[in-house]
């Protein structure tokens, strides 16, 4: 067997894994203000899967975003997210999008949730709970 034939045989054996629809893709960048509704839905799908949502739930939830562009995604307040996506996914999406917007802008973003007696502070820089900035 010649070295050329050996190389052909080896190349047949060594194949890169094929990407399937169920294999997680790298998350897209935060859509800019002029992003289309389709780009926003794609981002929402990836973001929810990144947070542990099942792929079908992520796609179904993202499909609730109908006509808003990137500007709306970046500026809506929590009540809009809750109304469109429900309490659980709405909160996750609001939190993660706001954190990414502030990280992109290089700003410190701190928000509080919990009771006033036991607030939980989250810092956008390190995304860890309990960090007071």
Protein backbone atom coordinates (compact mmCIF):
# COMPACT_ATOMS: atom_id res chain seq x y z
CA UNK A 1 0.00 0.00 0.00
CA UNK A 2 1.47 3.35 -0.98
CA UNK A 3 1.63 6.28 1.39
CA UNK A 4 -0.97 8.07 -0.77
CA UNK A 5 -3.44 5.20 -0.32
CA UNK A 6 -2.73 5.09 3.42
CA UNK A 7 -3.48 8.82 3.71
CA UNK A 8 -6.75 8.35 1.82
CA UNK A 9 -7.72 5.49 4.15
CA UNK A 10 -6.90 7.58 7.22
CA UNK A 11 -8.88 10.53 5.93
CA UNK A 12 -11.91 8.27 5.57
CA UNK A 13 -11.59 7.15 9.17
CA UNK A 14 -11.06 10.60 10.69
CA UNK A 15 -14.10 12.75 10.21
CA UNK A 16 -15.21 15.83 12.04
CA UNK A 17 -18.44 15.28 13.94
CA UNK A 18 -21.45 16.45 12.01
CA UNK A 19 -23.51 19.16 13.62
CA UNK A 20 -27.07 18.20 14.27
CA UNK A 21 -30.04 20.37 15.14
CA UNK A 22 -29.87 19.11 18.73
CA UNK A 23 -26.17 19.93 19.14
CA UNK A 24 -25.88 23.38 20.75
CA UNK A 25 -24.57 26.05 18.41
CA UNK A 26 -22.43 28.94 19.63
CA UNK A 27 -24.70 31.73 20.82
CA UNK A 28 -25.06 34.62 18.40
CA UNK A 29 -23.95 38.07 19.40
CA UNK A 30 -26.43 40.37 21.08
CA UNK A 31 -28.54 41.73 18.20
CA UNK A 32 -27.98 45.40 17.43
CA UNK A 33 -30.78 48.00 17.53
CA UNK A 34 -31.71 47.47 13.87
CA UNK A 35 -31.83 43.65 14.08
CA UNK A 36 -34.83 42.03 12.43
CA UNK A 37 -37.47 40.16 14.42
CA UNK A 38 -36.05 36.89 13.03
CA UNK A 39 -32.57 37.76 14.37
CA UNK A 40 -34.10 38.56 17.77
CA UNK A 41 -35.98 35.23 17.80
CA UNK A 42 -32.77 33.36 16.95
CA UNK A 43 -30.94 35.13 19.77
CA UNK A 44 -33.76 34.38 22.24
CA UNK A 45 -33.71 30.71 21.24
CA UNK A 46 -29.96 30.44 21.81
CA UNK A 47 -30.13 32.41 25.05
CA UNK A 48 -32.83 30.18 26.53
CA UNK A 49 -30.98 27.01 25.51
CA UNK A 50 -27.83 28.44 27.05
CA UNK A 51 -29.82 28.88 30.28
CA UNK A 52 -30.95 25.24 30.19
CA UNK A 53 -34.34 25.41 28.48
CA UNK A 54 -35.19 22.40 26.30
CA UNK A 55 -34.75 23.19 22.56
CA UNK A 56 -38.48 22.87 21.78
CA UNK A 57 -39.42 25.17 24.67
CA UNK A 58 -36.78 27.68 23.60
CA UNK A 59 -38.08 27.74 20.01
CA UNK A 60 -41.73 27.96 21.09
CA UNK A 61 -40.95 30.76 23.52
CA UNK A 62 -38.90 32.69 20.97
CA UNK A 63 -41.76 32.38 18.47
CA UNK A 64 -43.81 34.66 20.75
CA UNK A 65 -41.57 37.55 19.64
CA UNK A 66 -43.52 38.71 16.59
CA UNK A 67 -42.48 42.08 15.18
CA UNK A 68 -40.15 43.87 17.60
CA UNK A 69 -36.67 44.73 16.42
CA UNK A 70 -33.40 44.76 18.35
CA UNK A 71 -34.12 48.23 19.73
CA UNK A 72 -37.25 46.99 21.49
CA UNK A 73 -35.45 43.91 22.80
CA UNK A 74 -32.80 46.17 24.34
CA UNK A 75 -35.20 48.74 25.87
CA UNK A 76 -38.35 46.92 27.01
CA UNK A 77 -38.96 46.91 30.75
CA UNK A 78 -39.54 43.67 32.69
CA UNK A 79 -43.33 43.86 32.50
CA UNK A 80 -43.25 43.52 28.70
CA UNK A 81 -40.99 40.47 28.94
CA UNK A 82 -43.31 38.90 31.53
CA UNK A 83 -46.37 39.63 29.39
CA UNK A 84 -44.85 38.19 26.21
CA UNK A 85 -42.88 35.23 27.61
CA UNK A 86 -44.43 34.49 31.01
CA UNK A 87 -42.91 34.97 34.45
CA UNK A 88 -40.15 32.36 34.32
CA UNK A 89 -38.78 32.83 30.80
CA UNK A 90 -39.60 36.54 30.84
CA UNK A 91 -37.43 37.08 33.89
CA UNK A 92 -34.54 35.03 32.48
CA UNK A 93 -34.66 36.89 29.17
CA UNK A 94 -34.92 40.33 30.75
CA UNK A 95 -32.05 39.64 33.14
CA UNK A 96 -29.70 38.12 30.58
CA UNK A 97 -30.40 40.69 27.87
CA UNK A 98 -29.90 43.62 30.25
CA UNK A 99 -26.68 42.10 31.56
CA UNK A 100 -25.36 41.67 28.01
CA UNK A 101 -26.39 45.17 26.94
CA UNK A 102 -24.53 46.66 29.88
CA UNK A 103 -21.50 44.42 29.35
CA UNK A 104 -21.44 45.47 25.69
CA UNK A 105 -21.56 49.13 26.68
CA UNK A 106 -18.87 48.59 29.31
CA UNK A 107 -21.16 49.82 32.04
CA UNK A 108 -21.63 48.42 35.48
CA UNK A 109 -25.17 47.11 35.89
CA UNK A 110 -26.43 46.12 39.28
CA UNK A 111 -29.97 45.21 40.11
CA UNK A 112 -31.77 43.94 43.16
CA UNK A 113 -34.42 41.34 43.63
CA UNK A 114 -35.78 39.53 46.64
CA UNK A 115 -37.35 41.17 49.65
CA UNK A 116 -36.08 44.47 51.01
CA UNK A 117 -35.06 42.59 54.13
CA UNK A 118 -32.99 40.03 52.18
CA UNK A 119 -31.96 41.62 48.88
CA UNK A 120 -29.84 39.70 46.42
CA UNK A 121 -27.46 41.85 44.41
CA UNK A 122 -26.05 40.72 41.08
CA UNK A 123 -23.10 42.31 39.38
CA UNK A 124 -23.05 42.22 35.58
CA UNK A 125 -19.27 41.92 35.45
CA UNK A 126 -19.06 38.54 37.17
CA UNK A 127 -22.73 37.45 37.25
CA UNK A 128 -22.44 36.12 40.76
CA UNK A 129 -25.13 36.42 43.36
CA UNK A 130 -24.43 38.14 46.60
CA UNK A 131 -21.86 40.58 45.23
CA UNK A 132 -22.48 44.11 46.37
CA UNK A 133 -21.00 46.73 44.10
